[in-house]
Amino acid sequence: MEKFAGGLYTTSVEAFIPNSGRGIQGATSHCLGQNFAKMFEINFEDEKGEKGMVWQNSWAYSTRTIGVMVMVHGDDKGLVLPPKVASLQVIVVPVPYKDANTQAIFDACNATVDTLCKAGIHAEADFRENYSPGWKYSHWEMKGVPLRIEIGPKDLANNQVRTVRRDNGAKKDISRIGLVEQVNDLLDTIQQSLYNTAKQKRDACIQVVKTWDEFKDALSQKKMILAPWCDEEEVEKGVKERTRGETGAAKSLCSPFDQPELPEGTKCFASGKPAKKWTYWGRSY
């Protein structure tokens, strides 16, 4: 991958969007070495009283990762937010049927929110009277709130609440006794499930190739391609030229720290020269 101009090397966290078949950098760390220290005369004095030039780095965790989260987890209903990053983790919706004790239901909703908030769970209740429960369900699903709690007359009578997961729509009635522990378990399960699903989709998009023809075929299928490379800049420029089109050219995305075994005699997929390492390739944003 490209390094920061004037730096020694760059490392990155590379995300991949299965639906579009494109990579996107979520974070980078640039080891700048002492090049800029020499240019700007940035010195320090060590414990021995001797002067030296500083070593510098530059890193960033970009807001584009929010976009990656939206694209990876979202669905046709709207956002799907992992509980660990959701500003609102639980929305409580009263479901007062006709002739029900509405105030008692509202009181139960307030008590539920209070219990969850005291336990450190970000929860709110939606008491808006000008919208139906069904409208509220769709509204909070679109906003990606991980867990919905519904409380109606039956729930009130049975001292329970109904939970609905945003990620898969699964419904479950749980007792108000031990509510915090059960909600925390559900949020943990949602978090892990979203991770597992995203990882499975990403892994299904990875394709190992060893020849140019295999590379072109995988690229047309929007894959993230792992290929042996000679690590020469001119060869990468050639790959970009040969794959340039309406959807953009392919490029090296990153080289994994944990390198698969590279058998002796393995050739670069693009140049036919001896390969030096395995590298991920694909189109990117």
Protein backbone atom coordinates (compact mmCIF):
# COMPACT_ATOMS: atom_id res chain seq x y z
CA MET A 1 0.00 0.00 0.00
CA GLU A 2 1.06 3.62 -0.44
CA LYS A 3 3.04 5.15 2.40
CA PHE A 4 2.93 8.68 3.74
CA ALA A 5 5.17 10.96 1.67
CA GLY A 6 8.50 11.30 3.45
CA GLY A 7 7.72 8.52 5.93
CA LEU A 8 9.39 5.17 6.46
CA TYR A 9 6.33 2.93 6.33
CA THR A 10 2.56 2.93 6.80
CA THR A 11 0.25 0.44 8.51
CA SER A 12 -3.51 0.47 8.16
CA VAL A 13 -6.82 -1.05 9.19
CA GLU A 14 -8.60 -1.97 5.97
CA ALA A 15 -12.35 -2.53 5.87
CA PHE A 16 -14.24 -4.19 3.02
CA ILE A 17 -17.82 -3.58 1.85
CA PRO A 18 -19.20 -6.85 0.43
CA ASN A 19 -22.17 -5.24 -1.35
CA SER A 20 -19.96 -2.95 -3.43
CA GLY A 21 -16.80 -5.07 -3.48
CA ARG A 22 -14.62 -2.16 -2.36
CA GLY A 23 -12.04 -1.68 0.34
CA ILE A 24 -11.81 1.41 2.53
CA GLN A 25 -9.17 2.49 5.01
CA GLY A 26 -10.56 2.92 8.50
CA ALA A 27 -7.34 3.90 10.25
CA THR A 28 -3.70 4.53 9.40
CA SER A 29 -0.44 4.82 11.31
CA HIS A 30 2.57 6.38 9.61
CA CYS A 31 6.09 5.89 10.94
CA LEU A 32 7.75 9.15 9.87
CA GLY A 33 11.20 8.21 11.13
CA GLN A 34 13.56 11.15 11.59
CA ASN A 35 13.07 12.75 8.17
CA PHE A 36 10.90 15.60 9.41
CA ALA A 37 13.02 16.04 12.53
CA LYS A 38 16.00 16.68 10.29
CA MET A 39 14.07 19.13 8.12
CA PHE A 40 12.70 21.14 11.04
CA GLU A 41 15.58 20.53 13.48
CA ILE A 42 13.43 18.86 16.16
CA ASN A 43 15.90 17.70 18.81
CA PHE A 44 15.72 16.28 22.31
CA GLU A 45 18.14 15.63 25.13
CA ASP A 46 18.36 12.05 26.41
CA GLU A 47 19.10 10.80 29.95
CA LYS A 48 22.82 11.04 29.27
CA GLY A 49 22.55 14.69 28.30
CA GLU A 50 23.23 13.93 24.65
CA LYS A 51 21.19 15.51 21.87
CA GLY A 52 19.35 13.47 19.29
CA MET A 53 16.67 13.85 16.67
CA VAL A 54 13.16 12.66 17.52
CA TRP A 55 11.38 9.78 15.86
CA GLN A 56 7.84 10.70 14.89
CA ASN A 57 4.63 9.01 13.89
CA SER A 58 1.26 10.19 12.66
CA TRP A 59 -1.96 8.24 13.07
CA ALA A 60 -5.70 8.67 12.76
CA TYR A 61 -8.89 6.72 13.30
CA SER A 62 -11.11 8.33 10.71
CA THR A 63 -14.82 9.19 10.91
CA ARG A 64 -15.17 7.19 7.69
CA THR A 65 -15.41 4.14 9.96
CA ILE A 66 -18.91 5.37 10.81
CA GLY A 67 -19.76 5.09 7.13
CA VAL A 68 -18.27 1.61 7.05
CA MET A 69 -20.44 0.60 10.02
CA VAL A 70 -23.56 1.90 8.25
CA MET A 71 -22.76 0.06 5.01
CA VAL A 72 -21.70 -3.22 6.64
CA HIS A 73 -24.53 -3.61 9.16
CA GLY A 74 -27.41 -1.58 7.69
CA ASP A 75 -30.42 -3.15 5.99
CA ASP A 76 -33.53 -2.08 4.06
CA LYS A 77 -35.17 -0.83 7.27
CA GLY A 78 -32.32 1.60 8.04
CA LEU A 79 -29.41 1.66 10.45
CA VAL A 80 -28.31 -1.33 12.52
CA LEU A 81 -26.02 -0.12 15.29
CA PRO A 82 -23.77 -2.35 17.42
CA PRO A 83 -24.72 -1.84 21.09
CA LYS A 84 -21.19 -0.80 22.08
CA VAL A 85 -21.32 2.31 19.87
CA ALA A 86 -25.05 3.08 19.96
CA SER A 87 -25.87 6.31 21.81
CA LEU A 88 -29.29 4.79 22.56
CA GLN A 89 -29.19 1.06 23.28
CA VAL A 90 -32.77 0.38 24.35
CA ILE A 91 -36.02 2.10 23.39
CA VAL A 92 -39.10 1.34 25.51
CA VAL A 93 -42.46 1.63 23.74
CA PRO A 94 -45.80 1.51 25.60
CA VAL A 95 -48.53 -0.50 23.86
CA PRO A 96 -51.79 0.62 25.50
CA TYR A 97 -54.69 -1.28 23.92
CA LYS A 98 -58.22 0.08 24.12
CA ASP A 99 -59.62 0.17 27.68
CA ALA A 100 -56.17 -0.70 29.09
CA ASN A 101 -54.77 0.99 32.18
CA THR A 102 -52.63 3.42 30.21
CA GLN A 103 -51.14 5.16 33.23
CA ALA A 104 -50.02 1.86 34.75
CA ILE A 105 -48.33 0.95 31.46
CA PHE A 106 -46.60 4.33 31.31
CA ASP A 107 -45.45 3.92 34.92
CA ALA A 108 -44.00 0.49 34.07
CA CYS A 109 -42.18 2.00 31.08
CA ASN A 110 -40.71 4.76 33.26
CA ALA A 111 -39.65 2.24 35.89
CA THR A 112 -38.01 0.07 33.23
CA VAL A 113 -36.04 3.00 31.81
CA ASP A 114 -35.01 4.10 35.30
CA THR A 115 -33.79 0.58 36.19
CA LEU A 116 -31.79 0.23 32.99
CA CYS A 117 -30.25 3.73 33.18
CA LYS A 118 -29.13 3.18 36.77
CA ALA A 119 -27.31 0.05 35.54
CA GLY A 120 -25.45 2.07 32.89
CA ILE A 121 -27.61 1.04 29.93
CA HIS A 122 -28.60 3.90 27.60
CA ALA A 123 -32.41 3.68 27.54
CA GLU A 124 -35.35 5.96 26.77
CA ALA A 125 -39.12 5.65 26.49
CA ASP A 126 -41.26 6.95 23.61
CA PHE A 127 -44.44 8.42 25.06
CA ARG A 128 -45.49 10.45 22.01
CA GLU A 129 -49.28 10.32 21.80
CA ASN A 130 -49.63 11.36 18.16
CA TYR A 131 -47.98 8.20 16.82
CA SER A 132 -49.11 4.58 16.99
CA PRO A 133 -46.89 1.84 18.47
CA GLY A 134 -46.35 0.41 14.97
CA TRP A 135 -45.14 3.78 13.66
CA LYS A 136 -42.74 4.04 16.61
CA TYR A 137 -41.38 0.55 15.90
CA SER A 138 -40.47 1.57 12.35
CA HIS A 139 -39.06 4.90 13.50
CA TRP A 140 -36.62 3.38 15.99
CA GLU A 141 -35.73 0.52 13.66
CA MET A 142 -34.72 3.10 11.05
CA LYS A 143 -32.50 4.77 13.66
CA GLY A 144 -30.85 1.44 14.42
CA VAL A 145 -31.53 1.17 18.17
CA PRO A 146 -30.23 -2.33 19.07
CA LEU A 147 -33.09 -3.42 21.33
CA ARG A 148 -36.75 -2.50 21.64
CA ILE A 149 -38.84 -3.22 24.74
CA GLU A 150 -42.63 -3.28 24.45
CA ILE A 151 -44.95 -3.11 27.45
CA GLY A 152 -48.69 -3.73 27.08
CA PRO A 153 -51.54 -4.94 29.33
CA LYS A 154 -50.51 -8.61 29.07
CA ASP A 155 -46.91 -7.77 29.97
CA LEU A 156 -48.10 -5.69 32.90
CA ALA A 157 -50.25 -8.55 34.18
CA ASN A 158 -47.42 -11.08 33.88
CA ASN A 159 -44.73 -8.76 35.28
CA GLN A 160 -42.75 -9.12 32.05
CA VAL A 161 -41.64 -7.14 29.01
CA ARG A 162 -41.29 -8.12 25.37
CA THR A 163 -37.89 -7.57 23.77
CA VAL A 164 -37.31 -7.25 20.02
CA ARG A 165 -33.81 -7.34 18.54
CA ARG A 166 -33.02 -4.88 15.77
CA ASP A 167 -30.47 -7.12 14.05
CA ASN A 168 -32.75 -10.09 13.37
CA GLY A 169 -36.21 -9.15 14.67
CA ALA A 170 -36.24 -11.97 17.25
CA LYS A 171 -38.87 -11.48 19.96
CA LYS A 172 -38.57 -12.72 23.52
CA ASP A 173 -40.66 -12.22 26.65
CA ILE A 174 -38.52 -11.72 29.76
CA SER A 175 -39.38 -11.21 33.41
CA ARG A 176 -38.97 -7.77 34.97
CA ILE A 177 -37.19 -9.60 37.77
CA GLY A 178 -33.52 -9.69 36.83
CA LEU A 179 -34.24 -7.33 33.92
CA VAL A 180 -30.80 -5.70 33.85
CA GLU A 181 -28.91 -8.98 33.59
CA GLN A 182 -31.20 -10.26 30.83
CA VAL A 183 -30.96 -7.03 28.81
CA ASN A 184 -27.19 -6.97 29.16
CA ASP A 185 -27.05 -10.56 27.92
CA LEU A 186 -29.18 -9.64 24.92
CA LEU A 187 -27.01 -6.63 24.07
CA ASP A 188 -23.87 -8.77 24.31
CA THR A 189 -25.47 -11.37 22.06
CA ILE A 190 -26.45 -8.73 19.49
CA GLN A 191 -22.92 -7.31 19.53
CA GLN A 192 -21.34 -10.72 18.94
CA SER A 193 -23.91 -11.69 16.33
CA LEU A 194 -23.28 -8.53 14.29
CA TYR A 195 -19.53 -9.15 14.43
CA ASN A 196 -19.88 -12.79 13.41
CA THR A 197 -22.20 -11.97 10.51
CA ALA A 198 -19.93 -9.19 9.23
CA LYS A 199 -16.86 -11.41 9.50
CA GLN A 200 -18.57 -14.27 7.67
CA LYS A 201 -19.58 -11.94 4.83
CA ARG A 202 -16.07 -10.53 4.59
CA ASP A 203 -14.40 -13.93 4.68
CA ALA A 204 -16.74 -15.16 1.94
CA CYS A 205 -15.47 -12.32 -0.26
CA ILE A 206 -11.78 -13.22 0.10
CA GLN A 207 -10.41 -15.16 -2.86
CA VAL A 208 -6.86 -16.43 -3.24
CA VAL A 209 -5.44 -16.15 -6.77
CA LYS A 210 -2.06 -16.89 -8.31
CA THR A 211 -2.45 -15.85 -11.95
CA TRP A 212 -3.57 -12.75 -13.83
CA ASP A 213 -6.58 -14.52 -15.33
CA GLU A 214 -7.71 -15.64 -11.88
CA PHE A 215 -7.20 -12.08 -10.66
CA LYS A 216 -9.39 -10.56 -13.41
CA ASP A 217 -12.13 -13.12 -12.78
CA ALA A 218 -12.14 -12.49 -9.02
CA LEU A 219 -12.14 -8.72 -9.55
CA SER A 220 -15.21 -8.97 -11.79
CA GLN A 221 -16.97 -10.79 -8.94
CA LYS A 222 -16.22 -7.93 -6.50
CA LYS A 223 -13.85 -10.02 -4.40
CA MET A 224 -11.12 -8.97 -2.00
CA ILE A 225 -8.18 -10.71 -3.61
CA LEU A 226 -5.19 -12.23 -1.82
CA ALA A 227 -2.36 -12.69 -4.30
CA PRO A 228 1.43 -13.21 -4.29
CA TRP A 229 3.24 -10.01 -5.29
CA CYS A 230 6.78 -9.01 -6.15
CA ASP A 231 6.34 -5.79 -4.13
CA GLU A 232 7.40 -3.48 -6.98
CA GLU A 233 5.74 -0.09 -7.43
CA GLU A 234 5.90 -0.24 -11.22
CA VAL A 235 4.04 -3.55 -11.22
CA GLU A 236 1.24 -2.04 -9.15
CA LYS A 237 1.03 0.89 -11.57
CA GLY A 238 0.66 -1.68 -14.32
CA VAL A 239 -2.18 -3.40 -12.47
CA LYS A 240 -3.97 -0.06 -12.14
CA GLU A 241 -3.60 0.66 -15.86
CA ARG A 242 -4.79 -2.79 -16.90
CA THR A 243 -7.88 -2.70 -14.68
CA ARG A 244 -8.90 0.92 -15.17
CA GLY A 245 -12.57 1.27 -16.09
CA GLU A 246 -15.86 2.92 -15.21
CA THR A 247 -15.77 1.46 -11.70
CA GLY A 248 -12.16 2.49 -11.05
CA ALA A 249 -8.84 0.67 -11.06
CA ALA A 250 -7.73 -2.09 -8.73
CA LYS A 251 -4.88 -1.42 -6.31
CA SER A 252 -3.08 -3.00 -3.41
CA LEU A 253 -5.19 -2.60 -0.27
CA CYS A 254 -2.79 -3.89 2.39
CA SER A 255 -0.34 -6.68 3.17
CA PRO A 256 -1.35 -8.73 6.23
CA PHE A 257 1.01 -8.89 9.19
CA ASP A 258 0.27 -12.61 9.48
CA GLN A 259 1.60 -13.76 6.13
CA PRO A 260 0.41 -17.09 4.72
CA GLU A 261 3.16 -19.48 3.72
CA LEU A 262 4.82 -18.42 0.46
CA PRO A 263 6.29 -21.56 -1.15
CA GLU A 264 9.67 -21.20 -2.79
CA GLY A 265 9.32 -20.45 -6.48
CA THR A 266 5.93 -18.68 -6.17
CA LYS A 267 5.54 -16.09 -8.91
CA CYS A 268 3.93 -12.65 -8.75
CA PHE A 269 0.40 -12.85 -10.19
CA ALA A 270 0.93 -9.71 -12.30
CA SER A 271 4.60 -9.73 -13.39
CA GLY A 272 5.68 -13.34 -13.18
CA LYS A 273 8.69 -12.27 -11.11
CA PRO A 274 9.53 -14.03 -7.83
CA ALA A 275 6.91 -13.12 -5.24
CA LYS A 276 8.03 -11.52 -1.99
CA LYS A 277 4.77 -11.47 -0.02
CA TRP A 278 1.01 -11.95 -0.05
CA THR A 279 -1.06 -8.79 -0.52
CA TYR A 280 -4.77 -7.97 -0.60
CA TRP A 281 -5.98 -6.31 -3.81
CA GLY A 282 -9.24 -4.82 -4.97
CA ARG A 283 -11.07 -1.64 -5.85
CA SER A 284 -11.41 0.94 -3.12
CA TYR A 285 -13.28 4.08 -2.16
